[in-house]
Amino acid sequence: MYVVTVEFGIEPLRWAEFLPLMIENARLSRATEPGCTQFDVCVDDARPAKVFLYELYADRAAFDAHLLSAHFVAFSSATRDMIATRSVTTWQRIAP
């Protein structure tokens, strides 16, 4: 399995606008992408305006397809000015 983790820092004044878009992007990824088996959106009240994503794909090709999906392209365009920082890390799940 191919794992992607993302940490976003969101412009504080854009938080309320960003979060529903992020949740919808995750929902559509799970619902419409056969290679996406998990897409968790996580927040922590102790770290305002931060979002952590845990995404699980069948393989790298499935993740690449995600990046080309219409809903991701629309999400990326709509949120471009809302994101202050972004860190993407990829992993290969070896267990279970």
C-alpha atoms as a PDB file:
ATOM      1  CA  MET A   1       0.000   0.000   0.000  1.00  0.00           C
ATOM      2  CA  TYR A   2       1.103   3.542  -0.761  1.00  0.00           C
ATOM      3  CA  VAL A   3       0.711   6.002   2.116  1.00  0.00           C
ATOM      4  CA  VAL A   4       0.645   9.772   1.812  1.00  0.00           C
ATOM      5  CA  THR A   5       0.730  12.105   4.795  1.00  0.00           C
ATOM      6  CA  VAL A   6       0.194  15.819   4.399  1.00  0.00           C
ATOM      7  CA  GLU A   7       0.456  18.629   6.911  1.00  0.00           C
ATOM      8  CA  PHE A   8      -1.144  21.933   6.029  1.00  0.00           C
ATOM      9  CA  GLY A   9      -0.853  25.284   7.747  1.00  0.00           C
ATOM     10  CA  ILE A  10      -3.943  27.271   6.778  1.00  0.00           C
ATOM     11  CA  GLU A  11      -4.240  31.041   6.743  1.00  0.00           C
ATOM     12  CA  PRO A  12      -6.201  31.610   9.994  1.00  0.00           C
ATOM     13  CA  LEU A  13      -8.798  33.878   8.426  1.00  0.00           C
ATOM     14  CA  ARG A  14      -9.483  31.229   5.747  1.00  0.00           C
ATOM     15  CA  TRP A  15      -9.890  28.256   8.137  1.00  0.00           C
ATOM     16  CA  ALA A  16     -13.700  28.192   8.097  1.00  0.00           C
ATOM     17  CA  GLU A  17     -13.669  28.303   4.308  1.00  0.00           C
ATOM     18  CA  PHE A  18     -10.910  25.699   3.866  1.00  0.00           C
ATOM     19  CA  LEU A  19     -12.122  22.912   6.144  1.00  0.00           C
ATOM     20  CA  PRO A  20     -15.397  22.034   4.325  1.00  0.00           C
ATOM     21  CA  LEU A  21     -13.507  21.957   1.008  1.00  0.00           C
ATOM     22  CA  MET A  22     -10.916  19.606   2.491  1.00  0.00           C
ATOM     23  CA  ILE A  23     -13.564  17.290   3.926  1.00  0.00           C
ATOM     24  CA  GLU A  24     -15.406  17.170   0.594  1.00  0.00           C
ATOM     25  CA  ASN A  25     -12.178  16.404  -1.287  1.00  0.00           C
ATOM     26  CA  ALA A  26     -11.525  13.488   1.075  1.00  0.00           C
ATOM     27  CA  ARG A  27     -15.102  12.220   0.717  1.00  0.00           C
ATOM     28  CA  LEU A  28     -14.952  12.312  -3.076  1.00  0.00           C
ATOM     29  CA  SER A  29     -11.561  10.611  -3.076  1.00  0.00           C
ATOM     30  CA  ARG A  30     -12.918   7.712  -1.037  1.00  0.00           C
ATOM     31  CA  ALA A  31     -16.183   7.527  -2.993  1.00  0.00           C
ATOM     32  CA  THR A  32     -14.930   7.849  -6.563  1.00  0.00           C
ATOM     33  CA  GLU A  33     -11.336   6.616  -6.655  1.00  0.00           C
ATOM     34  CA  PRO A  34     -11.109   2.813  -6.581  1.00  0.00           C
ATOM     35  CA  GLY A  35      -7.435   2.981  -5.557  1.00  0.00           C
ATOM     36  CA  CYS A  36      -8.091   5.230  -2.532  1.00  0.00           C
ATOM     37  CA  THR A  37      -8.898   3.056   0.461  1.00  0.00           C
ATOM     38  CA  GLN A  38      -8.530   5.615   3.247  1.00  0.00           C
ATOM     39  CA  PHE A  39      -8.441   9.412   3.457  1.00  0.00           C
ATOM     40  CA  ASP A  40      -8.487  10.799   6.991  1.00  0.00           C
ATOM     41  CA  VAL A  41      -8.692  14.518   7.740  1.00  0.00           C
ATOM     42  CA  CYS A  42      -7.340  15.278  11.216  1.00  0.00           C
ATOM     43  CA  VAL A  43      -7.217  18.451  13.305  1.00  0.00           C
ATOM     44  CA  ASP A  44      -6.068  19.275  16.829  1.00  0.00           C
ATOM     45  CA  ASP A  45      -7.543  22.133  18.870  1.00  0.00           C
ATOM     46  CA  ALA A  46      -4.089  22.683  20.396  1.00  0.00           C
ATOM     47  CA  ARG A  47      -2.719  23.512  16.924  1.00  0.00           C
ATOM     48  CA  PRO A  48      -5.124  26.009  15.346  1.00  0.00           C
ATOM     49  CA  ALA A  49      -5.190  26.253  11.555  1.00  0.00           C
ATOM     50  CA  LYS A  50      -3.291  22.968  11.101  1.00  0.00           C
ATOM     51  CA  VAL A  51      -4.609  19.961   9.183  1.00  0.00           C
ATOM     52  CA  PHE A  52      -3.059  16.499   8.972  1.00  0.00           C
ATOM     53  CA  LEU A  53      -4.068  14.052   6.242  1.00  0.00           C
ATOM     54  CA  TYR A  54      -3.514  10.301   6.196  1.00  0.00           C
ATOM     55  CA  GLU A  55      -4.202   8.835   2.766  1.00  0.00           C
ATOM     56  CA  LEU A  56      -3.920   5.198   1.759  1.00  0.00           C
ATOM     57  CA  TYR A  57      -3.783   4.107  -1.889  1.00  0.00           C
ATOM     58  CA  ALA A  58      -3.409   0.737  -3.584  1.00  0.00           C
ATOM     59  CA  ASP A  59      -0.166   1.911  -5.212  1.00  0.00           C
ATOM     60  CA  ARG A  60       1.647   4.969  -6.561  1.00  0.00           C
ATOM     61  CA  ALA A  61      -0.398   4.863  -9.770  1.00  0.00           C
ATOM     62  CA  ALA A  62      -3.608   5.227  -7.735  1.00  0.00           C
ATOM     63  CA  PHE A  63      -2.170   8.295  -5.995  1.00  0.00           C
ATOM     64  CA  ASP A  64      -1.095   9.764  -9.331  1.00  0.00           C
ATOM     65  CA  ALA A  65      -4.668   9.237 -10.580  1.00  0.00           C
ATOM     66  CA  HIS A  66      -5.922  11.075  -7.471  1.00  0.00           C
ATOM     67  CA  LEU A  67      -3.763  14.077  -8.364  1.00  0.00           C
ATOM     68  CA  LEU A  68      -5.376  14.190 -11.812  1.00  0.00           C
ATOM     69  CA  SER A  69      -8.969  13.724 -10.628  1.00  0.00           C
ATOM     70  CA  ALA A  70     -11.406  16.542 -11.362  1.00  0.00           C
ATOM     71  CA  HIS A  71     -12.328  16.969  -7.718  1.00  0.00           C
ATOM     72  CA  PHE A  72      -8.678  17.242  -6.611  1.00  0.00           C
ATOM     73  CA  VAL A  73      -7.852  19.731  -9.369  1.00  0.00           C
ATOM     74  CA  ALA A  74     -10.866  21.842  -8.335  1.00  0.00           C
ATOM     75  CA  PHE A  75      -9.917  21.585  -4.638  1.00  0.00           C
ATOM     76  CA  SER A  76      -6.325  22.574  -5.348  1.00  0.00           C
ATOM     77  CA  SER A  77      -7.392  25.589  -7.371  1.00  0.00           C
ATOM     78  CA  ALA A  78      -9.992  26.724  -4.824  1.00  0.00           C
ATOM     79  CA  THR A  79      -7.642  26.458  -1.831  1.00  0.00           C
ATOM     80  CA  ARG A  80      -4.371  27.681  -3.335  1.00  0.00           C
ATOM     81  CA  ASP A  81      -4.507  31.050  -1.536  1.00  0.00           C
ATOM     82  CA  MET A  82      -5.714  29.516   1.742  1.00  0.00           C
ATOM     83  CA  ILE A  83      -2.653  27.349   2.345  1.00  0.00           C
ATOM     84  CA  ALA A  84       0.299  28.964   4.107  1.00  0.00           C
ATOM     85  CA  THR A  85       2.452  25.818   4.383  1.00  0.00           C
ATOM     86  CA  ARG A  86       2.306  22.268   3.050  1.00  0.00           C
ATOM     87  CA  SER A  87       4.476  19.254   3.728  1.00  0.00           C
ATOM     88  CA  VAL A  88       3.881  16.013   1.812  1.00  0.00           C
ATOM     89  CA  THR A  89       5.549  12.734   2.771  1.00  0.00           C
ATOM     90  CA  THR A  90       5.097   9.365   1.114  1.00  0.00           C
ATOM     91  CA  TRP A  91       5.516   5.938   2.682  1.00  0.00           C
ATOM     92  CA  GLN A  92       5.309   2.285   1.770  1.00  0.00           C
ATOM     93  CA  ARG A  93       3.133   0.395   4.262  1.00  0.00           C
ATOM     94  CA  ILE A  94       4.767  -2.892   5.203  1.00  0.00           C
ATOM     95  CA  ALA A  95       2.442  -4.101   7.998  1.00  0.00           C
ATOM     96  CA  PRO A  96      -0.221  -5.223   8.565  1.00  0.00           C
END
